[in-house]
C-alpha atoms as a PDB file:
ATOM      1  CA  MET A   1     -63.093  83.151  82.370  1.00  0.00           C
ATOM      2  CA  ARG A   2     -62.968  80.593  79.440  1.00  0.00           C
ATOM      3  CA  TYR A   3     -62.452  76.673  79.816  1.00  0.00           C
ATOM      4  CA  ARG A   4     -59.207  76.607  77.580  1.00  0.00           C
ATOM      5  CA  ASP A   5     -57.975  79.744  79.276  1.00  0.00           C
ATOM      6  CA  PHE A   6     -58.861  77.591  82.656  1.00  0.00           C
ATOM      7  CA  LEU A   7     -57.220  74.555  81.348  1.00  0.00           C
ATOM      8  CA  THR A   8     -53.873  76.196  80.141  1.00  0.00           C
ATOM      9  CA  ALA A   9     -53.798  78.140  83.829  1.00  0.00           C
ATOM     10  CA  MET A  10     -53.927  74.812  85.542  1.00  0.00           C
ATOM     11  CA  TYR A  11     -51.721  72.959  83.439  1.00  0.00           C
ATOM     12  CA  GLY A  12     -49.043  75.723  84.373  1.00  0.00           C
ATOM     13  CA  ILE A  13     -49.863  75.045  87.897  1.00  0.00           C
ATOM     14  CA  VAL A  14     -49.662  71.571  87.810  1.00  0.00           C
ATOM     15  CA  VAL A  15     -46.140  71.543  85.845  1.00  0.00           C
ATOM     16  CA  THR A  16     -44.567  74.260  88.388  1.00  0.00           C
ATOM     17  CA  MET A  17     -45.733  71.832  91.087  1.00  0.00           C
ATOM     18  CA  ALA A  18     -43.926  68.857  89.463  1.00  0.00           C
ATOM     19  CA  MET A  19     -40.446  70.891  88.623  1.00  0.00           C
ATOM     20  CA  ALA A  20     -40.507  72.279  92.170  1.00  0.00           C
ATOM     21  CA  ALA A  21     -40.931  68.470  93.189  1.00  0.00           C
ATOM     22  CA  THR A  22     -37.831  67.324  91.201  1.00  0.00           C
ATOM     23  CA  VAL A  23     -35.443  70.125  92.863  1.00  0.00           C
ATOM     24  CA  ARG A  24     -32.904  68.446  94.993  1.00  0.00           C
ATOM     25  CA  ALA A  25     -32.908  68.951  98.475  1.00  0.00           C
ATOM     26  CA  ASP A  26     -29.148  70.210  98.055  1.00  0.00           C
ATOM     27  CA  ASP A  27     -29.887  72.539  95.060  1.00  0.00           C
ATOM     28  CA  THR A  28     -28.910  75.884  96.320  1.00  0.00           C
ATOM     29  CA  PRO A  29     -28.378  79.367  94.434  1.00  0.00           C
ATOM     30  CA  LEU A  30     -24.328  78.992  95.650  1.00  0.00           C
ATOM     31  CA  PRO A  31     -24.002  75.158  95.932  1.00  0.00           C
ATOM     32  CA  ASP A  32     -19.768  76.043  96.057  1.00  0.00           C
ATOM     33  CA  ALA A  33     -20.512  78.979  98.949  1.00  0.00           C
ATOM     34  CA  ARG A  34     -18.076  78.578 101.640  1.00  0.00           C
ATOM     35  CA  PRO A  35     -18.504  79.660 105.312  1.00  0.00           C
ATOM     36  CA  VAL A  36     -17.551  83.554 105.918  1.00  0.00           C
ATOM     37  CA  PRO A  37     -14.342  83.806 108.543  1.00  0.00           C
ATOM     38  CA  ALA A  38     -15.504  84.538 111.511  1.00  0.00           C
ATOM     39  CA  MET A  39     -12.345  87.048 111.760  1.00  0.00           C
ATOM     40  CA  GLN A  40     -11.506  89.242 109.110  1.00  0.00           C
ATOM     41  CA  VAL A  41      -8.361  91.781 108.295  1.00  0.00           C
ATOM     42  CA  LEU A  42      -9.860  94.278 105.496  1.00  0.00           C
ATOM     43  CA  PRO A  43      -7.517  97.064 103.444  1.00  0.00           C
ATOM     44  CA  MET A  44      -8.876 100.391 103.867  1.00  0.00           C
ATOM     45  CA  PRO A  45      -8.390 103.765 102.477  1.00  0.00           C
ATOM     46  CA  TYR A  46      -5.813 106.015 103.511  1.00  0.00           C
ATOM     47  CA  ASP A  47      -3.488 102.980 104.460  1.00  0.00           C
ATOM     48  CA  GLN A  48      -5.394 101.507 107.379  1.00  0.00           C
ATOM     49  CA  ALA A  49      -6.591  97.715 107.773  1.00  0.00           C
ATOM     50  CA  SER A  50      -9.409  96.946 110.376  1.00  0.00           C
ATOM     51  CA  PHE A  51      -9.183  93.881 112.043  1.00  0.00           C
ATOM     52  CA  GLU A  52     -13.119  92.804 112.712  1.00  0.00           C
ATOM     53  CA  HIS A  53     -14.895  90.027 114.297  1.00  0.00           C
ATOM     54  CA  PHE A  54     -18.021  89.386 112.815  1.00  0.00           C
ATOM     55  CA  GLY A  55     -18.025  92.234 110.990  1.00  0.00           C
ATOM     56  CA  ARG A  56     -17.075  94.256 114.308  1.00  0.00           C
ATOM     57  CA  GLU A  57     -14.450  96.012 114.526  1.00  0.00           C
ATOM     58  CA  LEU A  58     -11.819  95.051 117.298  1.00  0.00           C
ATOM     59  CA  THR A  59      -8.725  97.290 116.085  1.00  0.00           C
ATOM     60  CA  ARG A  60      -7.168  99.676 113.307  1.00  0.00           C
ATOM     61  CA  TYR A  61      -3.905  99.627 112.019  1.00  0.00           C
ATOM     62  CA  HIS A  62      -2.829 102.944 111.089  1.00  0.00           C
ATOM     63  CA  PHE A  63       0.758 102.538 108.427  1.00  0.00           C
ATOM     64  CA  GLY A  64       0.886 106.178 106.073  1.00  0.00           C
ATOM     65  CA  ALA A  65       3.988 107.379 104.856  1.00  0.00           C
ATOM     66  CA  ASN A  66       3.592 110.546 106.766  1.00  0.00           C
ATOM     67  CA  LEU A  67       3.314 108.854 110.286  1.00  0.00           C
ATOM     68  CA  ARG A  68       6.329 108.770 112.315  1.00  0.00           C
ATOM     69  CA  ARG A  69       5.407 105.265 113.227  1.00  0.00           C
ATOM     70  CA  PRO A  70       2.555 102.737 112.460  1.00  0.00           C
ATOM     71  CA  PHE A  71      -0.024 102.123 115.460  1.00  0.00           C
ATOM     72  CA  TRP A  72      -2.960 100.588 116.302  1.00  0.00           C
ATOM     73  CA  TYR A  73      -6.033 102.503 117.236  1.00  0.00           C
ATOM     74  CA  PRO A  74      -8.823 102.451 118.647  1.00  0.00           C
ATOM     75  CA  ILE A  75      -8.454  98.731 120.674  1.00  0.00           C
ATOM     76  CA  ILE A  76     -12.256  98.486 121.118  1.00  0.00           C
ATOM     77  CA  GLY A  77     -13.508  97.040 124.184  1.00  0.00           C
ATOM     78  CA  GLN A  78     -17.134  94.861 125.480  1.00  0.00           C
ATOM     79  CA  ASP A  79     -18.767  97.816 125.157  1.00  0.00           C
ATOM     80  CA  ASN A  80     -17.466  99.224 121.642  1.00  0.00           C
ATOM     81  CA  CYS A  81     -15.507 101.757 123.866  1.00  0.00           C
ATOM     82  CA  SER A  82     -11.227 102.520 123.070  1.00  0.00           C
ATOM     83  CA  LEU A  83      -9.222 101.011 125.647  1.00  0.00           C
ATOM     84  CA  THR A  84      -6.525 103.667 124.811  1.00  0.00           C
ATOM     85  CA  ARG A  85      -6.580 107.385 123.770  1.00  0.00           C
ATOM     86  CA  MET A  86      -4.376 109.057 120.927  1.00  0.00           C
ATOM     87  CA  GLY A  87      -1.546 111.449 123.367  1.00  0.00           C
ATOM     88  CA  HIS A  88      -1.818 111.915 126.726  1.00  0.00           C
ATOM     89  CA  PRO A  89      -4.337 113.464 128.449  1.00  0.00           C
ATOM     90  CA  HIS A  90      -2.566 116.577 130.462  1.00  0.00           C
ATOM     91  CA  ASP A  91       0.155 116.586 127.696  1.00  0.00           C
ATOM     92  CA  PRO A  92      -1.076 116.488 124.669  1.00  0.00           C
ATOM     93  CA  VAL A  93       2.131 118.547 123.272  1.00  0.00           C
ATOM     94  CA  GLY A  94       4.833 116.639 124.594  1.00  0.00           C
ATOM     95  CA  HIS A  95       3.187 113.285 124.451  1.00  0.00           C
ATOM     96  CA  SER A  96       1.762 112.900 120.756  1.00  0.00           C
ATOM     97  CA  HIS A  97       3.782 110.105 120.293  1.00  0.00           C
ATOM     98  CA  HIS A  98       1.673 108.554 122.714  1.00  0.00           C
ATOM     99  CA  ASN A  99      -0.114 106.194 119.855  1.00  0.00           C
ATOM    100  CA  SER A 100      -3.015 104.337 121.618  1.00  0.00           C
ATOM    101  CA  VAL A 101      -0.688 101.232 120.945  1.00  0.00           C
ATOM    102  CA  TRP A 102       2.786 101.575 119.311  1.00  0.00           C
ATOM    103  CA  ILE A 103       6.020  99.791 118.498  1.00  0.00           C
ATOM    104  CA  SER A 104       9.241 102.060 118.937  1.00  0.00           C
ATOM    105  CA  HIS A 105      12.692 102.733 120.815  1.00  0.00           C
ATOM    106  CA  MET A 106      14.494 105.700 122.151  1.00  0.00           C
ATOM    107  CA  ASN A 107      18.262 104.938 121.355  1.00  0.00           C
ATOM    108  CA  VAL A 108      18.543 102.800 117.774  1.00  0.00           C
ATOM    109  CA  SER A 109      22.243 102.791 117.039  1.00  0.00           C
ATOM    110  CA  GLY A 110      21.605 106.368 118.686  1.00  0.00           C
ATOM    111  CA  VAL A 111      18.915 107.536 117.129  1.00  0.00           C
ATOM    112  CA  ASP A 112      15.721 108.613 118.949  1.00  0.00           C
ATOM    113  CA  PHE A 113      12.647 106.772 117.441  1.00  0.00           C
ATOM    114  CA  TRP A 114      10.142 107.437 120.597  1.00  0.00           C
ATOM    115  CA  VAL A 115       9.842 111.412 120.246  1.00  0.00           C
ATOM    116  CA  ASP A 116       8.383 113.280 117.301  1.00  0.00           C
ATOM    117  CA  HIS A 117      10.182 116.060 117.059  1.00  0.00           C
ATOM    118  CA  GLY A 118      13.997 117.386 117.092  1.00  0.00           C
ATOM    119  CA  PRO A 119      16.713 117.178 114.982  1.00  0.00           C
ATOM    120  CA  ASN A 120      17.434 113.055 116.409  1.00  0.00           C
ATOM    121  CA  ALA A 121      14.022 112.074 115.672  1.00  0.00           C
ATOM    122  CA  GLY A 122      13.893 109.008 113.330  1.00  0.00           C
ATOM    123  CA  GLN A 123      10.961 107.717 111.741  1.00  0.00           C
ATOM    124  CA  ILE A 124       9.598 104.196 111.284  1.00  0.00           C
ATOM    125  CA  VAL A 125       8.172 104.065 107.572  1.00  0.00           C
ATOM    126  CA  HIS A 126       5.618 100.972 106.206  1.00  0.00           C
ATOM    127  CA  GLN A 127       7.351  99.770 102.982  1.00  0.00           C
ATOM    128  CA  ARG A 128       4.702  97.269 102.221  1.00  0.00           C
ATOM    129  CA  VAL A 129       2.499  94.350 103.183  1.00  0.00           C
ATOM    130  CA  LEU A 130       3.287  90.799 103.276  1.00  0.00           C
ATOM    131  CA  GLN A 131       0.277  88.940 103.948  1.00  0.00           C
ATOM    132  CA  TYR A 132      -3.106  89.596 105.152  1.00  0.00           C
ATOM    133  CA  ASP A 133      -5.053  86.260 106.729  1.00  0.00           C
ATOM    134  CA  ASP A 134      -8.596  85.503 107.012  1.00  0.00           C
ATOM    135  CA  SER A 135      -9.524  82.482 108.981  1.00  0.00           C
ATOM    136  CA  PRO A 136     -12.673  81.482 111.504  1.00  0.00           C
ATOM    137  CA  THR A 137     -10.124  81.830 114.702  1.00  0.00           C
ATOM    138  CA  ALA A 138      -7.595  84.771 113.862  1.00  0.00           C
ATOM    139  CA  ALA A 139      -6.717  87.558 111.756  1.00  0.00           C
ATOM    140  CA  THR A 140      -3.151  87.865 110.170  1.00  0.00           C
ATOM    141  CA  MET A 141      -1.422  90.971 109.141  1.00  0.00           C
ATOM    142  CA  LEU A 142       2.403  90.753 108.027  1.00  0.00           C
ATOM    143  CA  SER A 143       4.504  93.817 107.083  1.00  0.00           C
ATOM    144  CA  LEU A 144       7.923  94.933 106.349  1.00  0.00           C
ATOM    145  CA  ASN A 145       9.147  98.332 107.969  1.00  0.00           C
ATOM    146  CA  ALA A 146      12.448 100.509 107.513  1.00  0.00           C
ATOM    147  CA  TRP A 147      13.865 102.946 110.441  1.00  0.00           C
ATOM    148  CA  ASN A 148      15.388 105.519 109.106  1.00  0.00           C
ATOM    149  CA  ASP A 149      17.255 108.230 110.778  1.00  0.00           C
ATOM    150  CA  PRO A 150      16.547 111.500 110.337  1.00  0.00           C
ATOM    151  CA  GLN A 151      19.053 111.414 106.641  1.00  0.00           C
ATOM    152  CA  GLY A 152      16.370 108.637 105.538  1.00  0.00           C
ATOM    153  CA  LYS A 153      19.545 106.424 105.964  1.00  0.00           C
ATOM    154  CA  THR A 154      17.598 103.113 107.295  1.00  0.00           C
ATOM    155  CA  LEU A 155      19.243 101.704 110.404  1.00  0.00           C
ATOM    156  CA  MET A 156      17.064  98.649 110.747  1.00  0.00           C
ATOM    157  CA  PHE A 157      14.725  96.186 109.092  1.00  0.00           C
ATOM    158  CA  GLU A 158      11.404  95.349 110.872  1.00  0.00           C
ATOM    159  CA  ARG A 159       9.173  92.289 110.295  1.00  0.00           C
ATOM    160  CA  ARG A 160       5.920  93.047 112.202  1.00  0.00           C
ATOM    161  CA  ARG A 161       3.036  90.159 112.527  1.00  0.00           C
ATOM    162  CA  ALA A 162      -0.364  91.213 114.392  1.00  0.00           C
ATOM    163  CA  THR A 163      -2.821  88.675 114.657  1.00  0.00           C
ATOM    164  CA  VAL A 164      -6.418  89.460 115.848  1.00  0.00           C
ATOM    165  CA  THR A 165      -8.023  86.355 118.171  1.00  0.00           C
ATOM    166  CA  PRO A 166     -11.125  86.512 119.962  1.00  0.00           C
ATOM    167  CA  ASN A 167     -11.636  85.192 123.256  1.00  0.00           C
ATOM    168  CA  ASP A 168     -13.987  83.948 126.056  1.00  0.00           C
ATOM    169  CA  GLY A 169     -16.456  86.315 127.505  1.00  0.00           C
ATOM    170  CA  GLY A 170     -16.135  88.978 125.266  1.00  0.00           C
ATOM    171  CA  SER A 171     -12.460  89.288 125.462  1.00  0.00           C
ATOM    172  CA  TRP A 172     -10.214  89.539 122.488  1.00  0.00           C
ATOM    173  CA  ARG A 173      -6.268  89.320 122.106  1.00  0.00           C
ATOM    174  CA  LEU A 174      -3.427  91.199 119.912  1.00  0.00           C
ATOM    175  CA  THR A 175      -0.574  89.096 119.505  1.00  0.00           C
ATOM    176  CA  ILE A 176       2.398  91.368 118.109  1.00  0.00           C
ATOM    177  CA  ASP A 177       5.288  89.935 116.554  1.00  0.00           C
ATOM    178  CA  LEU A 178       8.541  91.632 115.784  1.00  0.00           C
ATOM    179  CA  GLN A 179      11.596  90.603 113.798  1.00  0.00           C
ATOM    180  CA  PHE A 180      14.874  93.467 113.872  1.00  0.00           C
ATOM    181  CA  GLU A 181      17.092  92.760 111.271  1.00  0.00           C
ATOM    182  CA  ALA A 182      20.364  94.906 110.457  1.00  0.00           C
ATOM    183  CA  PRO A 183      20.927  95.631 107.161  1.00  0.00           C
ATOM    184  CA  SER A 184      23.765  93.985 105.025  1.00  0.00           C
ATOM    185  CA  SER A 185      26.273  96.505 105.697  1.00  0.00           C
ATOM    186  CA  GLY A 186      26.380  96.092 109.535  1.00  0.00           C
ATOM    187  CA  GLN A 187      25.266  95.728 112.674  1.00  0.00           C
ATOM    188  CA  VAL A 188      22.477  98.130 114.899  1.00  0.00           C
ATOM    189  CA  THR A 189      22.654  98.566 119.044  1.00  0.00           C
ATOM    190  CA  LEU A 190      19.667  98.823 120.468  1.00  0.00           C
ATOM    191  CA  GLY A 191      20.963 101.262 123.460  1.00  0.00           C
ATOM    192  CA  GLN A 192      20.292 101.467 127.028  1.00  0.00           C
ATOM    193  CA  THR A 193      16.911 103.010 127.654  1.00  0.00           C
ATOM    194  CA  PRO A 194      13.386 102.118 129.044  1.00  0.00           C
ATOM    195  CA  PHE A 195      11.468 103.269 126.244  1.00  0.00           C
ATOM    196  CA  GLY A 196      10.798 100.638 124.024  1.00  0.00           C
ATOM    197  CA  PRO A 197      10.082  98.706 122.288  1.00  0.00           C
ATOM    198  CA  ILE A 198       6.229  98.514 122.942  1.00  0.00           C
ATOM    199  CA  GLY A 199       4.103 101.493 124.952  1.00  0.00           C
ATOM    200  CA  VAL A 200       0.396 101.446 125.418  1.00  0.00           C
ATOM    201  CA  ARG A 201      -1.386 104.491 125.938  1.00  0.00           C
ATOM    202  CA  MET A 202      -4.409 103.877 128.400  1.00  0.00           C
ATOM    203  CA  ALA A 203      -8.067 105.762 128.324  1.00  0.00           C
ATOM    204  CA  LYS A 204      -8.016 108.275 130.371  1.00  0.00           C
ATOM    205  CA  THR A 205     -10.432 106.848 132.295  1.00  0.00           C
ATOM    206  CA  ILE A 206      -8.750 104.133 133.093  1.00  0.00           C
ATOM    207  CA  GLY A 207      -5.979 106.183 134.687  1.00  0.00           C
ATOM    208  CA  VAL A 208      -5.675 105.616 137.937  1.00  0.00           C
ATOM    209  CA  ASN A 209      -4.795 109.185 138.810  1.00  0.00           C
ATOM    210  CA  ASP A 210      -7.599 110.471 136.676  1.00  0.00           C
ATOM    211  CA  GLY A 211      -9.990 107.515 136.897  1.00  0.00           C
ATOM    212  CA  GLY A 212      -9.171 105.632 140.106  1.00  0.00           C
ATOM    213  CA  GLY A 213      -8.233 102.990 138.009  1.00  0.00           C
ATOM    214  CA  ARG A 214      -5.972  99.633 139.419  1.00  0.00           C
ATOM    215  CA  ILE A 215      -2.222  98.524 138.080  1.00  0.00           C
ATOM    216  CA  LEU A 216      -1.292  94.503 138.862  1.00  0.00           C
ATOM    217  CA  ASN A 217       1.654  92.907 137.551  1.00  0.00           C
ATOM    218  CA  SER A 218       2.577  88.826 137.946  1.00  0.00           C
ATOM    219  CA  ALA A 219       3.989  89.485 141.188  1.00  0.00           C
ATOM    220  CA  GLY A 220       0.583  90.238 142.605  1.00  0.00           C
ATOM    221  CA  GLN A 221       2.040  93.896 143.236  1.00  0.00           C
ATOM    222  CA  ARG A 222       0.045  96.774 142.452  1.00  0.00           C
ATOM    223  CA  ASN A 223       0.670 100.627 140.588  1.00  0.00           C
ATOM    224  CA  GLU A 224       2.969 102.375 140.032  1.00  0.00           C
ATOM    225  CA  PRO A 225       4.849 102.628 142.929  1.00  0.00           C
ATOM    226  CA  ASP A 226       5.455  99.055 143.366  1.00  0.00           C
ATOM    227  CA  VAL A 227       5.289  98.193 139.658  1.00  0.00           C
ATOM    228  CA  PHE A 228       7.957 100.912 138.238  1.00  0.00           C
ATOM    229  CA  ARG A 229      10.659  99.022 136.602  1.00  0.00           C
ATOM    230  CA  LYS A 230       9.855  95.591 138.138  1.00  0.00           C
ATOM    231  CA  PRO A 231      10.252  92.712 136.430  1.00  0.00           C
ATOM    232  CA  ALA A 232       7.008  91.044 135.816  1.00  0.00           C
ATOM    233  CA  ARG A 233       5.584  88.149 133.066  1.00  0.00           C
ATOM    234  CA  TRP A 234       2.426  90.954 132.762  1.00  0.00           C
ATOM    235  CA  VAL A 235       0.933  93.552 133.847  1.00  0.00           C
ATOM    236  CA  ASP A 236      -2.570  94.623 133.670  1.00  0.00           C
ATOM    237  CA  TYR A 237      -4.053  98.219 133.365  1.00  0.00           C
ATOM    238  CA  SER A 238      -7.824  98.001 134.642  1.00  0.00           C
ATOM    239  CA  GLY A 239     -10.424 100.922 135.191  1.00  0.00           C
ATOM    240  CA  PRO A 240     -13.450 102.348 134.457  1.00  0.00           C
ATOM    241  CA  ILE A 241     -14.400 103.096 130.891  1.00  0.00           C
ATOM    242  CA  ALA A 242     -18.243 103.283 130.453  1.00  0.00           C
ATOM    243  CA  ALA A 243     -21.070 104.063 133.195  1.00  0.00           C
ATOM    244  CA  GLU A 244     -20.939 101.007 135.631  1.00  0.00           C
ATOM    245  CA  GLN A 245     -18.324  99.482 133.223  1.00  0.00           C
ATOM    246  CA  THR A 246     -15.007  98.507 134.191  1.00  0.00           C
ATOM    247  CA  ALA A 247     -12.317  97.066 131.504  1.00  0.00           C
ATOM    248  CA  GLY A 248      -8.537  96.999 130.295  1.00  0.00           C
ATOM    249  CA  ILE A 249      -5.560  95.719 128.703  1.00  0.00           C
ATOM    250  CA  MET A 250      -2.864  93.319 129.896  1.00  0.00           C
ATOM    251  CA  LEU A 251       0.287  93.438 128.261  1.00  0.00           C
ATOM    252  CA  MET A 252       2.638  90.099 128.612  1.00  0.00           C
ATOM    253  CA  ASP A 253       6.135  89.420 127.639  1.00  0.00           C
ATOM    254  CA  HIS A 254       6.718  86.497 125.918  1.00  0.00           C
ATOM    255  CA  PRO A 255       9.380  83.754 128.143  1.00  0.00           C
ATOM    256  CA  LYS A 256      11.324  83.266 124.856  1.00  0.00           C
ATOM    257  CA  ASN A 257      11.838  87.037 124.759  1.00  0.00           C
ATOM    258  CA  PRO A 258      15.467  88.487 125.907  1.00  0.00           C
ATOM    259  CA  GLY A 259      15.535  88.860 129.642  1.00  0.00           C
ATOM    260  CA  HIS A 260      12.311  87.646 130.460  1.00  0.00           C
ATOM    261  CA  PRO A 261      10.659  88.337 132.769  1.00  0.00           C
ATOM    262  CA  THR A 262      11.243  92.281 131.449  1.00  0.00           C
ATOM    263  CA  PRO A 263      10.841  95.200 133.351  1.00  0.00           C
ATOM    264  CA  PHE A 264       7.980  97.466 132.632  1.00  0.00           C
ATOM    265  CA  HIS A 265       7.968 101.074 132.825  1.00  0.00           C
ATOM    266  CA  VAL A 266       4.483 101.934 134.185  1.00  0.00           C
ATOM    267  CA  ARG A 267       2.459 105.087 135.231  1.00  0.00           C
ATOM    268  CA  ASN A 268      -0.401 105.590 137.174  1.00  0.00           C
ATOM    269  CA  ASP A 269      -1.330 108.328 134.322  1.00  0.00           C
ATOM    270  CA  GLY A 270      -2.328 105.665 132.477  1.00  0.00           C
ATOM    271  CA  TRP A 271       1.089 104.494 130.179  1.00  0.00           C
ATOM    272  CA  MET A 272       2.542 101.333 130.578  1.00  0.00           C
ATOM    273  CA  GLY A 273       5.405  99.461 128.011  1.00  0.00           C
ATOM    274  CA  VAL A 274       8.057  97.267 128.664  1.00  0.00           C
ATOM    275  CA  CYS A 275      11.549  97.648 129.094  1.00  0.00           C
ATOM    276  CA  LEU A 276      13.408  95.847 126.652  1.00  0.00           C
ATOM    277  CA  THR A 277      17.379  97.456 126.685  1.00  0.00           C
ATOM    278  CA  LEU A 278      16.822  99.067 130.671  1.00  0.00           C
ATOM    279  CA  ASN A 279      19.813  97.225 132.190  1.00  0.00           C
ATOM    280  CA  ASP A 280      21.347  96.119 128.840  1.00  0.00           C
ATOM    281  CA  PRO A 281      21.533  97.115 125.238  1.00  0.00           C
ATOM    282  CA  ILE A 282      21.437  94.671 122.337  1.00  0.00           C
ATOM    283  CA  THR A 283      23.459  94.234 119.152  1.00  0.00           C
ATOM    284  CA  ILE A 284      21.588  92.890 116.368  1.00  0.00           C
ATOM    285  CA  THR A 285      23.866  92.033 113.023  1.00  0.00           C
ATOM    286  CA  PRO A 286      22.640  90.499 109.712  1.00  0.00           C
ATOM    287  CA  ASP A 287      23.121  86.915 110.420  1.00  0.00           C
ATOM    288  CA  LYS A 288      21.246  87.445 113.998  1.00  0.00           C
ATOM    289  CA  PRO A 289      18.270  89.022 113.951  1.00  0.00           C
ATOM    290  CA  LEU A 290      16.212  89.696 117.212  1.00  0.00           C
ATOM    291  CA  ARG A 291      13.027  88.254 117.821  1.00  0.00           C
ATOM    292  CA  LEU A 292      10.618  89.309 119.945  1.00  0.00           C
ATOM    293  CA  ARG A 293       6.628  88.837 121.077  1.00  0.00           C
ATOM    294  CA  TYR A 294       4.527  90.472 122.494  1.00  0.00           C
ATOM    295  CA  GLY A 295       0.370  89.987 123.535  1.00  0.00           C
ATOM    296  CA  LEU A 296      -2.403  92.227 124.944  1.00  0.00           C
ATOM    297  CA  TRP A 297      -5.519  90.849 126.432  1.00  0.00           C
ATOM    298  CA  ILE A 298      -8.388  93.300 125.958  1.00  0.00           C
ATOM    299  CA  HIS A 299     -10.776  92.484 128.624  1.00  0.00           C
ATOM    300  CA  PRO A 300     -14.048  93.583 130.203  1.00  0.00           C
ATOM    301  CA  ASN A 301     -13.865  93.889 134.220  1.00  0.00           C
ATOM    302  CA  VAL A 302     -10.945  94.021 136.400  1.00  0.00           C
ATOM    303  CA  PRO A 303      -9.983  90.412 136.831  1.00  0.00           C
ATOM    304  CA  GLU A 304      -7.730  89.191 139.882  1.00  0.00           C
ATOM    305  CA  THR A 305      -4.292  87.825 139.564  1.00  0.00           C
ATOM    306  CA  ALA A 306      -5.361  83.634 138.827  1.00  0.00           C
ATOM    307  CA  LYS A 307      -7.006  84.351 135.803  1.00  0.00           C
ATOM    308  CA  LEU A 308      -4.641  87.231 134.648  1.00  0.00           C
ATOM    309  CA  ASP A 309      -2.284  84.477 135.016  1.00  0.00           C
ATOM    310  CA  GLN A 310      -4.319  82.293 133.245  1.00  0.00           C
ATOM    311  CA  GLN A 311      -4.404  84.210 130.238  1.00  0.00           C
ATOM    312  CA  TRP A 312      -0.606  84.789 130.237  1.00  0.00           C
ATOM    313  CA  GLN A 313       0.041  80.590 130.460  1.00  0.00           C
ATOM    314  CA  ALA A 314      -1.656  80.247 127.441  1.00  0.00           C
ATOM    315  CA  PHE A 315       0.123  82.898 125.497  1.00  0.00           C
ATOM    316  CA  ALA A 316       3.506  81.436 126.766  1.00  0.00           C
ATOM    317  CA  ARG A 317       2.199  77.987 125.879  1.00  0.00           C
ATOM    318  CA  GLU A 318       1.460  78.958 121.508  1.00  0.00           C
ATOM    319  CA  GLU A 319       4.665  78.376 119.296  1.00  0.00           C
ATOM    320  CA  LEU A 320       6.316  81.771 117.391  1.00  0.00           C
ATOM    321  CA  ALA A 321       4.164  82.222 114.093  1.00  0.00           C
ATOM    322  CA  THR A 322       6.733  82.172 110.563  1.00  0.00           C
ATOM    323  CA  MET A 323       7.909  86.228 109.958  1.00  0.00           C
ATOM    324  CA  LYS A 324       7.863  85.289 106.465  1.00  0.00           C
ATOM    325  CA  GLY A 325       5.307  85.989 103.863  1.00  0.00           C
ATOM    326  CA  PRO A 326       4.086  82.991 101.497  1.00  0.00           C
ATOM    327  CA  ARG A 327       5.670  84.425  98.694  1.00  0.00           C
ATOM    328  CA  GLU A 328       9.194  84.138 100.848  1.00  0.00           C
ATOM    329  CA  LYS A 329      11.349  81.024  99.902  1.00  0.00           C
END
């Protein structure tokens, strides 16, 4: 290397080092970058939305127009196994309406929204998404549904807010806020039935019959013979989910729901639901919508009564969420 070239190279090095020394410590490629929310709800293809915690999916909401009703599947536990399933493990045709976690009712002004088939089967049709919201502590989706009779007439409108929040120890909660509204033309009645408005079809291995699982309610009663259609603040269904792993779902009734504590319709075959209108019908008018809140605590292990009741107490203390979107007055 010639002496002149050497001096040029050395000069370049010195200039570069001097420039680097003048760069402030807070100069970054993205000085205005904001933290990525820990909880996100991501719109997906084919009318789905994924609720994720640090990029790990916890559940997915399905709301395609061809479905009989929207639903959440899977419900992912700590070991990446779904704690719910689609359909009854021993009667997939007759119980095709068991869609993991779903909202429906057997008697809405005489129309059956519980079943999938038949001349009197209604359909819950997604209308539009009113809000997606992400934050460090929760992800929320607010949507509007129409409950249509077999001829396509809307009997009832429904606002549905799903909120997913992470919890301690690998657990998380799905809070489902509902508002049923009558059309302006008249009232609608939720008739007397044990079926509706919320159902949960547990994974086969968690069921009492198939997997040796356990049902426990807030009164300390266990399994179907003692829990079936008994009023309770909550019911927990836990059992085996993987090799030497147990997990479960606790279904909670909010104290502001009508008839609280409500009867629960629970079976040893892996099914549980809330019986809002087991004893009496509920009439909804245009000026008096029906507001409901249910919670599902998804947890590892098989918790005892004290720990489950602690979760319900926290759920019961929370204020009800608004059922209007950010663009609505």
